Amino acid sequence: RYERDPFTWKSSSSQLLRRKQLMLGSVLFHVGIIVVFFGHLVGL
């Protein structure tokens, strides 16, 4: 994908639409998922 479609290598942010809910939800999701991911990685 990186070699064939490098310009699609993005998160396609929709921050301009309902920014407040995006920011709160995004922070909660990313903080939680990072802890879960590395917790599984180290734990296993």
All heavy atoms as atom14 arrays in JSON, in Angstrom:
{
  "sequence": "RYERDPFTWKSSSSQLLRRKQLMLGSVLFHVGIIVVFFGHLVGL",
  "atom14_mask": [
    [1, 1, 1, 1, 1, 1, 1, 1, 1, 1, 1, 0, 0, 0],
    [1, 1, 1, 1, 1, 1, 1, 1, 1, 1, 1, 1, 0, 0],
    [1, 1, 1, 1, 1, 1, 1, 1, 1, 0, 0, 0, 0, 0],
    [1, 1, 1, 1, 1, 1, 1, 1, 1, 1, 1, 0, 0, 0],
    [1, 1, 1, 1, 1, 1, 1, 1, 0, 0, 0, 0, 0, 0],
    [1, 1, 1, 1, 1, 1, 1, 0, 0, 0, 0, 0, 0, 0],
    [1, 1, 1, 1, 1, 1, 1, 1, 1, 1, 1, 0, 0, 0],
    [1, 1, 1, 1, 1, 1, 1, 0, 0, 0, 0, 0, 0, 0],
    [1, 1, 1, 1, 1, 1, 1, 1, 1, 1, 1, 1, 1, 1],
    [1, 1, 1, 1, 1, 1, 1, 1, 1, 0, 0, 0, 0, 0],
    [1, 1, 1, 1, 1, 1, 0, 0, 0, 0, 0, 0, 0, 0],
    [1, 1, 1, 1, 1, 1, 0, 0, 0, 0, 0, 0, 0, 0],
    [1, 1, 1, 1, 1, 1, 0, 0, 0, 0, 0, 0, 0, 0],
    [1, 1, 1, 1, 1, 1, 0, 0, 0, 0, 0, 0, 0, 0],
    [1, 1, 1, 1, 1, 1, 1, 1, 1, 0, 0, 0, 0, 0],
    [1, 1, 1, 1, 1, 1, 1, 1, 0, 0, 0, 0, 0, 0],
    [1, 1, 1, 1, 1, 1, 1, 1, 0, 0, 0, 0, 0, 0],
    [1, 1, 1, 1, 1, 1, 1, 1, 1, 1, 1, 0, 0, 0],
    [1, 1, 1, 1, 1, 1, 1, 1, 1, 1, 1, 0, 0, 0],
    [1, 1, 1, 1, 1, 1, 1, 1, 1, 0, 0, 0, 0, 0],
    [1, 1, 1, 1, 1, 1, 1, 1, 1, 0, 0, 0, 0, 0],
    [1, 1, 1, 1, 1, 1, 1, 1, 0, 0, 0, 0, 0, 0],
    [1, 1, 1, 1, 1, 1, 1, 1, 0, 0, 0, 0, 0, 0],
    [1, 1, 1, 1, 1, 1, 1, 1, 0, 0, 0, 0, 0, 0],
    [1, 1, 1, 1, 0, 0, 0, 0, 0, 0, 0, 0, 0, 0],
    [1, 1, 1, 1, 1, 1, 0, 0, 0, 0, 0, 0, 0, 0],
    [1, 1, 1, 1, 1, 1, 1, 0, 0, 0, 0, 0, 0, 0],
    [1, 1, 1, 1, 1, 1, 1, 1, 0, 0, 0, 0, 0, 0],
    [1, 1, 1, 1, 1, 1, 1, 1, 1, 1, 1, 0, 0, 0],
    [1, 1, 1, 1, 1, 1, 1, 1, 1, 1, 0, 0, 0, 0],
    [1, 1, 1, 1, 1, 1, 1, 0, 0, 0, 0, 0, 0, 0],
    [1, 1, 1, 1, 0, 0, 0, 0, 0, 0, 0, 0, 0, 0],
    [1, 1, 1, 1, 1, 1, 1, 1, 0, 0, 0, 0, 0, 0],
    [1, 1, 1, 1, 1, 1, 1, 1, 0, 0, 0, 0, 0, 0],
    [1, 1, 1, 1, 1, 1, 1, 0, 0, 0, 0, 0, 0, 0],
    [1, 1, 1, 1, 1, 1, 1, 0, 0, 0, 0, 0, 0, 0],
    [1, 1, 1, 1, 1, 1, 1, 1, 1, 1, 1, 0, 0, 0],
    [1, 1, 1, 1, 1, 1, 1, 1, 1, 1, 1, 0, 0, 0],
    [1, 1, 1, 1, 0, 0, 0, 0, 0, 0, 0, 0, 0, 0],
    [1, 1, 1, 1, 1, 1, 1, 1, 1, 1, 0, 0, 0, 0],
    [1, 1, 1, 1, 1, 1, 1, 1, 0, 0, 0, 0, 0, 0],
    [1, 1, 1, 1, 1, 1, 1, 0, 0, 0, 0, 0, 0, 0],
    [1, 1, 1, 1, 0, 0, 0, 0, 0, 0, 0, 0, 0, 0],
    [1, 1, 1, 1, 1, 1, 1, 1, 0, 0, 0, 0, 0, 0]
  ],
  "atom14_positions": [
    [[0.83, -1.2, 0.0], [0.0, 0.0, 0.0], [0.86, 1.26, 0.0], [0.56, 2.22, -0.69], [-0.93, 0.0, 1.21], [-1.78, 1.27, 1.29], [-2.82, 1.21, 2.36], [-3.57, 2.45, 2.43], [-4.59, 2.67, 3.24], [-5.0, 1.69, 4.05], [-5.22, 3.82, 3.26], [0.0, 0.0, 0.0], [0.0, 0.0, 0.0], [0.0, 0.0, 0.0]],
    [[1.93, 1.24, 0.77], [2.8, 2.42, 0.83], [3.46, 2.68, -0.51], [3.64, 3.83, -0.92], [3.87, 2.22, 1.9], [4.68, 3.46, 2.16], [4.2, 4.47, 3.0], [5.92, 3.63, 1.56], [4.95, 5.61, 3.23], [6.68, 4.78, 1.79], [6.19, 5.76, 2.63], [6.92, 6.89, 2.85], [0.0, 0.0, 0.0], [0.0, 0.0, 0.0]],
    [[3.83, 1.62, -1.23], [4.49, 1.78, -2.52], [3.49, 2.12, -3.63], [3.8, 2.89, -4.53], [5.24, 0.49, -2.88], [6.43, 0.19, -1.98], [7.54, 1.22, -2.12], [7.65, 1.82, -3.21], [8.27, 1.44, -1.14], [0.0, 0.0, 0.0], [0.0, 0.0, 0.0], [0.0, 0.0, 0.0], [0.0, 0.0, 0.0], [0.0, 0.0, 0.0]],
    [[2.29, 1.56, -3.55], [1.32, 1.71, -4.63], [0.44, 2.95, -4.44], [0.16, 3.67, -5.38], [0.44, 0.46, -4.72], [-0.55, 0.48, -5.87], [-1.35, -0.81, -5.91], [-2.33, -0.8, -6.98], [-2.09, -1.12, -8.24], [-0.86, -1.49, -8.56], [-3.03, -1.1, -9.15], [0.0, 0.0, 0.0], [0.0, 0.0, 0.0], [0.0, 0.0, 0.0]],
    [[-0.05, 3.17, -3.21], [-0.96, 4.29, -2.94], [-0.5, 5.08, -1.72], [-1.15, 5.08, -0.68], [-2.39, 3.76, -2.7], [-2.96, 3.04, -3.9], [-2.98, 3.65, -4.98], [-3.39, 1.88, -3.75], [0.0, 0.0, 0.0], [0.0, 0.0, 0.0], [0.0, 0.0, 0.0], [0.0, 0.0, 0.0], [0.0, 0.0, 0.0], [0.0, 0.0, 0.0]],
    [[0.63, 5.75, -1.83], [1.16, 6.47, -0.65], [0.26, 7.6, -0.18], [0.28, 7.95, 1.0], [2.51, 6.99, -1.14], [2.38, 7.07, -2.62], [1.49, 5.93, -3.01], [0.0, 0.0, 0.0], [0.0, 0.0, 0.0], [0.0, 0.0, 0.0], [0.0, 0.0, 0.0], [0.0, 0.0, 0.0], [0.0, 0.0, 0.0], [0.0, 0.0, 0.0]],
    [[-0.54, 8.19, -1.08], [-1.38, 9.31, -0.69], [-2.63, 8.87, 0.08], [-3.35, 9.71, 0.6], [-1.78, 10.13, -1.91], [-0.6, 10.78, -2.59], [-0.17, 10.36, -3.83], [0.08, 11.82, -1.98], [0.91, 10.95, -4.46], [1.17, 12.42, -2.59], [1.59, 11.99, -3.83], [0.0, 0.0, 0.0], [0.0, 0.0, 0.0], [0.0, 0.0, 0.0]],
    [[-2.9, 7.58, 0.13], [-4.01, 7.07, 0.94], [-3.54, 6.69, 2.33], [-4.34, 6.23, 3.15], [-4.65, 5.84, 0.27], [-3.71, 4.74, 0.27], [-5.05, 6.15, -1.16], [0.0, 0.0, 0.0], [0.0, 0.0, 0.0], [0.0, 0.0, 0.0], [0.0, 0.0, 0.0], [0.0, 0.0, 0.0], [0.0, 0.0, 0.0], [0.0, 0.0, 0.0]],
    [[-2.25, 6.86, 2.6], [-1.67, 6.49, 3.9], [-1.96, 7.62, 4.89], [-1.11, 8.45, 5.19], [-0.17, 6.27, 3.73], [0.5, 5.6, 4.89], [0.83, 6.17, 6.09], [0.94, 4.24, 4.97], [1.44, 5.25, 6.89], [1.52, 4.05, 6.24], [0.9, 3.17, 4.09], [2.07, 2.84, 6.64], [1.43, 1.97, 4.49], [2.01, 1.8, 5.75]],
    [[-3.17, 7.66, 5.41], [-3.57, 8.73, 6.31], [-4.8, 8.28, 7.08], [-5.4, 7.24, 6.8], [-3.9, 9.99, 5.51], [-4.99, 9.78, 4.46], [-5.23, 11.03, 3.65], [-6.33, 10.79, 2.61], [-6.65, 12.0, 1.83], [0.0, 0.0, 0.0], [0.0, 0.0, 0.0], [0.0, 0.0, 0.0], [0.0, 0.0, 0.0], [0.0, 0.0, 0.0]],
    [[-5.18, 9.09, 8.07], [-6.34, 8.76, 8.89], [-7.62, 9.42, 8.39], [-8.69, 9.17, 8.93], [-6.1, 9.18, 10.35], [-5.87, 10.58, 10.42], [0.0, 0.0, 0.0], [0.0, 0.0, 0.0], [0.0, 0.0, 0.0], [0.0, 0.0, 0.0], [0.0, 0.0, 0.0], [0.0, 0.0, 0.0], [0.0, 0.0, 0.0], [0.0, 0.0, 0.0]],
    [[-7.51, 10.3, 7.37], [-8.68, 10.97, 6.78], [-9.52, 11.64, 7.85], [-10.68, 11.29, 8.08], [-9.52, 9.96, 5.98], [-8.77, 9.38, 4.96], [0.0, 0.0, 0.0], [0.0, 0.0, 0.0], [0.0, 0.0, 0.0], [0.0, 0.0, 0.0], [0.0, 0.0, 0.0], [0.0, 0.0, 0.0], [0.0, 0.0, 0.0], [0.0, 0.0, 0.0]],
    [[-8.95, 12.62, 8.5], [-9.61, 13.29, 9.62], [-10.87, 14.03, 9.17], [-10.92, 14.62, 8.09], [-8.65, 14.28, 10.29], [-9.31, 15.03, 11.29], [0.0, 0.0, 0.0], [0.0, 0.0, 0.0], [0.0, 0.0, 0.0], [0.0, 0.0, 0.0], [0.0, 0.0, 0.0], [0.0, 0.0, 0.0], [0.0, 0.0, 0.0], [0.0, 0.0, 0.0]],
    [[-11.9, 14.01, 10.02], [-13.14, 14.77, 9.81], [-13.3, 15.8, 10.92], [-14.39, 16.03, 11.42], [-14.34, 13.83, 9.77], [-14.42, 13.08, 10.97], [0.0, 0.0, 0.0], [0.0, 0.0, 0.0], [0.0, 0.0, 0.0], [0.0, 0.0, 0.0], [0.0, 0.0, 0.0], [0.0, 0.0, 0.0], [0.0, 0.0, 0.0], [0.0, 0.0, 0.0]],
    [[-12.19, 16.4, 11.3], [-12.16, 17.29, 12.46], [-13.03, 18.53, 12.26], [-13.55, 19.09, 13.23], [-10.72, 17.72, 12.74], [-10.56, 18.58, 13.99], [-9.1, 18.85, 14.32], [-8.23, 18.15, 13.83], [-8.85, 19.84, 15.13], [0.0, 0.0, 0.0], [0.0, 0.0, 0.0], [0.0, 0.0, 0.0], [0.0, 0.0, 0.0], [0.0, 0.0, 0.0]],
    [[-13.22, 18.96, 11.03], [-14.02, 20.15, 10.78], [-15.5, 19.93, 11.07], [-16.26, 20.89, 11.2], [-13.84, 20.61, 9.33], [-12.44, 21.09, 8.94], [-12.39, 21.44, 7.47], [-12.03, 22.29, 9.79], [0.0, 0.0, 0.0], [0.0, 0.0, 0.0], [0.0, 0.0, 0.0], [0.0, 0.0, 0.0], [0.0, 0.0, 0.0], [0.0, 0.0, 0.0]],
    [[-15.92, 18.67, 11.17], [-17.32, 18.35, 11.4], [-17.5, 17.83, 12.83], [-16.95, 16.8, 13.2], [-17.81, 17.3, 10.4], [-17.57, 17.63, 8.92], [-17.99, 16.46, 8.04], [-18.34, 18.9, 8.54], [0.0, 0.0, 0.0], [0.0, 0.0, 0.0], [0.0, 0.0, 0.0], [0.0, 0.0, 0.0], [0.0, 0.0, 0.0], [0.0, 0.0, 0.0]],
    [[-18.24, 18.55, 13.65], [-18.49, 18.16, 15.05], [-17.17, 17.91, 15.78], [-16.9, 16.83, 16.27], [-19.4, 16.93, 15.11], [-20.81, 17.22, 14.65], [-21.69, 16.01, 14.67], [-21.92, 15.52, 16.02], [-22.75, 14.53, 16.31], [-23.43, 13.93, 15.34], [-22.91, 14.13, 17.55], [0.0, 0.0, 0.0], [0.0, 0.0, 0.0], [0.0, 0.0, 0.0]],
    [[-16.37, 18.95, 15.85], [-15.01, 18.85, 16.39], [-15.0, 18.47, 17.86], [-14.14, 17.71, 18.31], [-14.28, 20.18, 16.17], [-12.83, 20.17, 16.65], [-12.16, 21.49, 16.3], [-10.75, 21.47, 16.67], [-10.29, 21.81, 17.86], [-11.14, 22.2, 18.8], [-8.99, 21.77, 18.13], [0.0, 0.0, 0.0], [0.0, 0.0, 0.0], [0.0, 0.0, 0.0]],
    [[-15.95, 19.01, 18.67], [-15.94, 18.79, 20.11], [-16.09, 17.31, 20.45], [-15.34, 16.75, 21.25], [-17.05, 19.6, 20.77], [-17.04, 19.52, 22.29], [-18.1, 20.42, 22.89], [-18.07, 20.35, 24.41], [-19.12, 21.23, 25.02], [0.0, 0.0, 0.0], [0.0, 0.0, 0.0], [0.0, 0.0, 0.0], [0.0, 0.0, 0.0], [0.0, 0.0, 0.0]],
    [[-17.07, 16.65, 19.82], [-17.26, 15.23, 20.08], [-16.09, 14.41, 19.56], [-15.71, 13.42, 20.18], [-18.56, 14.74, 19.43], [-18.89, 13.27, 19.75], [-20.2, 12.83, 19.14], [-20.89, 13.6, 18.49], [-20.55, 11.57, 19.35], [0.0, 0.0, 0.0], [0.0, 0.0, 0.0], [0.0, 0.0, 0.0], [0.0, 0.0, 0.0], [0.0, 0.0, 0.0]],
    [[-15.51, 14.83, 18.45], [-14.35, 14.12, 17.91], [-13.18, 14.18, 18.88], [-12.53, 13.17, 19.15], [-13.95, 14.72, 16.57], [-12.61, 14.23, 16.0], [-12.7, 12.74, 15.67], [-12.21, 15.03, 14.77], [0.0, 0.0, 0.0], [0.0, 0.0, 0.0], [0.0, 0.0, 0.0], [0.0, 0.0, 0.0], [0.0, 0.0, 0.0], [0.0, 0.0, 0.0]],
    [[-12.89, 15.36, 19.42], [-11.73, 15.53, 20.28], [-11.87, 14.69, 21.55], [-10.95, 13.99, 21.95], [-11.55, 17.0, 20.63], [-11.21, 17.89, 19.43], [-9.75, 17.32, 18.53], [-8.48, 17.58, 19.77], [0.0, 0.0, 0.0], [0.0, 0.0, 0.0], [0.0, 0.0, 0.0], [0.0, 0.0, 0.0], [0.0, 0.0, 0.0], [0.0, 0.0, 0.0]],
    [[-13.03, 14.74, 22.19], [-13.23, 13.98, 23.43], [-13.19, 12.48, 23.15], [-12.49, 11.73, 23.83], [-14.56, 14.37, 24.07], [-14.91, 13.65, 25.38], [-13.82, 13.87, 26.42], [-16.27, 14.1, 25.9], [0.0, 0.0, 0.0], [0.0, 0.0, 0.0], [0.0, 0.0, 0.0], [0.0, 0.0, 0.0], [0.0, 0.0, 0.0], [0.0, 0.0, 0.0]],
    [[-13.93, 12.05, 22.16], [-13.95, 10.62, 21.83], [-12.6, 10.12, 21.37], [-12.18, 9.01, 21.73], [0.0, 0.0, 0.0], [0.0, 0.0, 0.0], [0.0, 0.0, 0.0], [0.0, 0.0, 0.0], [0.0, 0.0, 0.0], [0.0, 0.0, 0.0], [0.0, 0.0, 0.0], [0.0, 0.0, 0.0], [0.0, 0.0, 0.0], [0.0, 0.0, 0.0]],
    [[-11.89, 10.93, 20.57], [-10.59, 10.53, 20.06], [-9.56, 10.39, 21.18], [-8.78, 9.43, 21.2], [-10.11, 11.54, 19.02], [-8.85, 11.17, 18.5], [0.0, 0.0, 0.0], [0.0, 0.0, 0.0], [0.0, 0.0, 0.0], [0.0, 0.0, 0.0], [0.0, 0.0, 0.0], [0.0, 0.0, 0.0], [0.0, 0.0, 0.0], [0.0, 0.0, 0.0]],
    [[-9.57, 11.33, 22.12], [-8.61, 11.27, 23.23], [-8.88, 10.03, 24.08], [-7.96, 9.28, 24.42], [-8.69, 12.55, 24.08], [-7.9, 12.38, 25.37], [-8.14, 13.73, 23.29], [0.0, 0.0, 0.0], [0.0, 0.0, 0.0], [0.0, 0.0, 0.0], [0.0, 0.0, 0.0], [0.0, 0.0, 0.0], [0.0, 0.0, 0.0], [0.0, 0.0, 0.0]],
    [[-10.14, 9.81, 24.44], [-10.48, 8.63, 25.25], [-10.11, 7.34, 24.53], [-9.53, 6.42, 25.12], [-11.97, 8.64, 25.59], [-12.46, 9.75, 26.53], [-13.98, 9.69, 26.67], [-11.8, 9.63, 27.9], [0.0, 0.0, 0.0], [0.0, 0.0, 0.0], [0.0, 0.0, 0.0], [0.0, 0.0, 0.0], [0.0, 0.0, 0.0], [0.0, 0.0, 0.0]],
    [[-10.45, 7.27, 23.25], [-10.18, 6.06, 22.49], [-8.69, 5.79, 22.36], [-8.23, 4.68, 22.61], [-10.81, 6.17, 21.1], [-10.45, 5.04, 20.18], [-10.98, 3.78, 20.37], [-9.55, 5.23, 19.13], [-10.64, 2.73, 19.53], [-9.21, 4.2, 18.29], [-9.76, 2.94, 18.49], [0.0, 0.0, 0.0], [0.0, 0.0, 0.0], [0.0, 0.0, 0.0]],
    [[-7.92, 6.8, 21.98], [-6.5, 6.59, 21.74], [-5.74, 6.29, 23.03], [-4.87, 5.41, 23.05], [-5.9, 7.8, 21.03], [-6.22, 7.87, 19.57], [-7.32, 8.49, 19.08], [-5.56, 7.35, 18.49], [-7.35, 8.38, 17.76], [-6.28, 7.7, 17.37], [0.0, 0.0, 0.0], [0.0, 0.0, 0.0], [0.0, 0.0, 0.0], [0.0, 0.0, 0.0]],
    [[-6.06, 6.99, 24.1], [-5.38, 6.72, 25.37], [-5.68, 5.3, 25.83], [-4.78, 4.53, 26.21], [-5.8, 7.73, 26.45], [-5.31, 7.31, 27.82], [-5.26, 9.12, 26.11], [0.0, 0.0, 0.0], [0.0, 0.0, 0.0], [0.0, 0.0, 0.0], [0.0, 0.0, 0.0], [0.0, 0.0, 0.0], [0.0, 0.0, 0.0], [0.0, 0.0, 0.0]],
    [[-6.95, 4.93, 25.78], [-7.33, 3.58, 26.22], [-6.76, 2.49, 25.34], [-6.23, 1.49, 25.84], [0.0, 0.0, 0.0], [0.0, 0.0, 0.0], [0.0, 0.0, 0.0], [0.0, 0.0, 0.0], [0.0, 0.0, 0.0], [0.0, 0.0, 0.0], [0.0, 0.0, 0.0], [0.0, 0.0, 0.0], [0.0, 0.0, 0.0], [0.0, 0.0, 0.0]],
    [[-6.82, 2.67, 24.02], [-6.37, 1.62, 23.11], [-4.87, 1.45, 23.14], [-4.35, 0.33, 22.96], [-6.87, 1.9, 21.67], [-7.02, 0.59, 20.88], [-5.95, 2.85, 20.95], [-8.13, -0.28, 21.34], [0.0, 0.0, 0.0], [0.0, 0.0, 0.0], [0.0, 0.0, 0.0], [0.0, 0.0, 0.0], [0.0, 0.0, 0.0], [0.0, 0.0, 0.0]],
    [[-4.12, 2.54, 23.38], [-2.67, 2.43, 23.48], [-2.28, 1.6, 24.71], [-1.4, 0.74, 24.64], [-2.03, 3.83, 23.52], [-2.12, 4.49, 22.15], [-0.58, 3.75, 23.96], [-1.67, 5.93, 22.11], [0.0, 0.0, 0.0], [0.0, 0.0, 0.0], [0.0, 0.0, 0.0], [0.0, 0.0, 0.0], [0.0, 0.0, 0.0], [0.0, 0.0, 0.0]],
    [[-2.95, 1.86, 25.83], [-2.66, 1.08, 27.05], [-3.04, -0.38, 26.84], [-2.28, -1.29, 27.22], [-3.42, 1.67, 28.26], [-3.25, 0.79, 29.49], [-2.93, 3.08, 28.56], [0.0, 0.0, 0.0], [0.0, 0.0, 0.0], [0.0, 0.0, 0.0], [0.0, 0.0, 0.0], [0.0, 0.0, 0.0], [0.0, 0.0, 0.0], [0.0, 0.0, 0.0]],
    [[-4.19, -0.62, 26.21], [-4.61, -2.01, 25.95], [-3.64, -2.71, 25.02], [-3.24, -3.87, 25.26], [-6.04, -2.02, 25.35], [-6.39, -3.41, 24.83], [-7.05, -1.58, 26.39], [0.0, 0.0, 0.0], [0.0, 0.0, 0.0], [0.0, 0.0, 0.0], [0.0, 0.0, 0.0], [0.0, 0.0, 0.0], [0.0, 0.0, 0.0], [0.0, 0.0, 0.0]],
    [[-3.22, -2.03, 23.96], [-2.33, -2.65, 22.98], [-0.99, -3.03, 23.6], [-0.53, -4.17, 23.48], [-2.11, -1.69, 21.81], [-1.11, -2.18, 20.8], [-1.43, -3.17, 19.9], [0.18, -1.66, 20.78], [-0.5, -3.63, 18.97], [1.12, -2.1, 19.87], [0.78, -3.09, 18.97], [0.0, 0.0, 0.0], [0.0, 0.0, 0.0], [0.0, 0.0, 0.0]],
    [[-0.35, -2.08, 24.25], [0.96, -2.37, 24.83], [0.85, -3.3, 26.03], [1.79, -4.04, 26.32], [1.69, -1.07, 25.2], [2.25, -0.35, 24.02], [1.61, 0.77, 23.49], [3.4, -0.8, 23.39], [2.12, 1.44, 22.4], [3.92, -0.15, 22.29], [3.28, 0.98, 21.78], [0.0, 0.0, 0.0], [0.0, 0.0, 0.0], [0.0, 0.0, 0.0]],
    [[-0.29, -3.26, 26.71], [-0.5, -4.21, 27.79], [-0.54, -5.64, 27.28], [0.06, -6.55, 27.86], [0.0, 0.0, 0.0], [0.0, 0.0, 0.0], [0.0, 0.0, 0.0], [0.0, 0.0, 0.0], [0.0, 0.0, 0.0], [0.0, 0.0, 0.0], [0.0, 0.0, 0.0], [0.0, 0.0, 0.0], [0.0, 0.0, 0.0], [0.0, 0.0, 0.0]],
    [[-1.25, -5.85, 26.16], [-1.27, -7.18, 25.55], [0.1, -7.57, 25.01], [0.53, -8.72, 25.14], [-2.28, -7.21, 24.4], [-3.7, -7.39, 24.85], [-4.4, -6.42, 25.52], [-4.55, -8.45, 24.74], [-5.62, -6.87, 25.79], [-5.73, -8.1, 25.33], [0.0, 0.0, 0.0], [0.0, 0.0, 0.0], [0.0, 0.0, 0.0], [0.0, 0.0, 0.0]],
    [[0.78, -6.59, 24.41], [2.09, -6.88, 23.81], [3.09, -7.32, 24.89], [3.77, -8.35, 24.73], [2.61, -5.63, 23.09], [3.76, -5.83, 22.11], [3.32, -6.67, 20.93], [4.28, -4.48, 21.64], [0.0, 0.0, 0.0], [0.0, 0.0, 0.0], [0.0, 0.0, 0.0], [0.0, 0.0, 0.0], [0.0, 0.0, 0.0], [0.0, 0.0, 0.0]],
    [[3.17, -6.56, 25.97], [4.1, -6.9, 27.05], [3.64, -8.14, 27.79], [4.43, -9.02, 28.13], [4.24, -5.71, 28.02], [5.09, -6.1, 29.23], [4.85, -4.51, 27.31], [0.0, 0.0, 0.0], [0.0, 0.0, 0.0], [0.0, 0.0, 0.0], [0.0, 0.0, 0.0], [0.0, 0.0, 0.0], [0.0, 0.0, 0.0], [0.0, 0.0, 0.0]],
    [[2.34, -8.23, 28.02], [1.81, -9.36, 28.77], [1.99, -10.7, 28.07], [2.28, -11.71, 28.72], [0.0, 0.0, 0.0], [0.0, 0.0, 0.0], [0.0, 0.0, 0.0], [0.0, 0.0, 0.0], [0.0, 0.0, 0.0], [0.0, 0.0, 0.0], [0.0, 0.0, 0.0], [0.0, 0.0, 0.0], [0.0, 0.0, 0.0], [0.0, 0.0, 0.0]],
    [[1.85, -10.72, 26.75], [1.95, -11.98, 26.02], [3.38, -12.38, 25.69], [3.71, -13.57, 25.66], [1.14, -11.9, 24.72], [-0.38, -11.92, 24.84], [-1.03, -11.69, 23.48], [-0.86, -13.23, 25.45], [0.0, 0.0, 0.0], [0.0, 0.0, 0.0], [0.0, 0.0, 0.0], [0.0, 0.0, 0.0], [0.0, 0.0, 0.0], [0.0, 0.0, 0.0]]
  ]
}
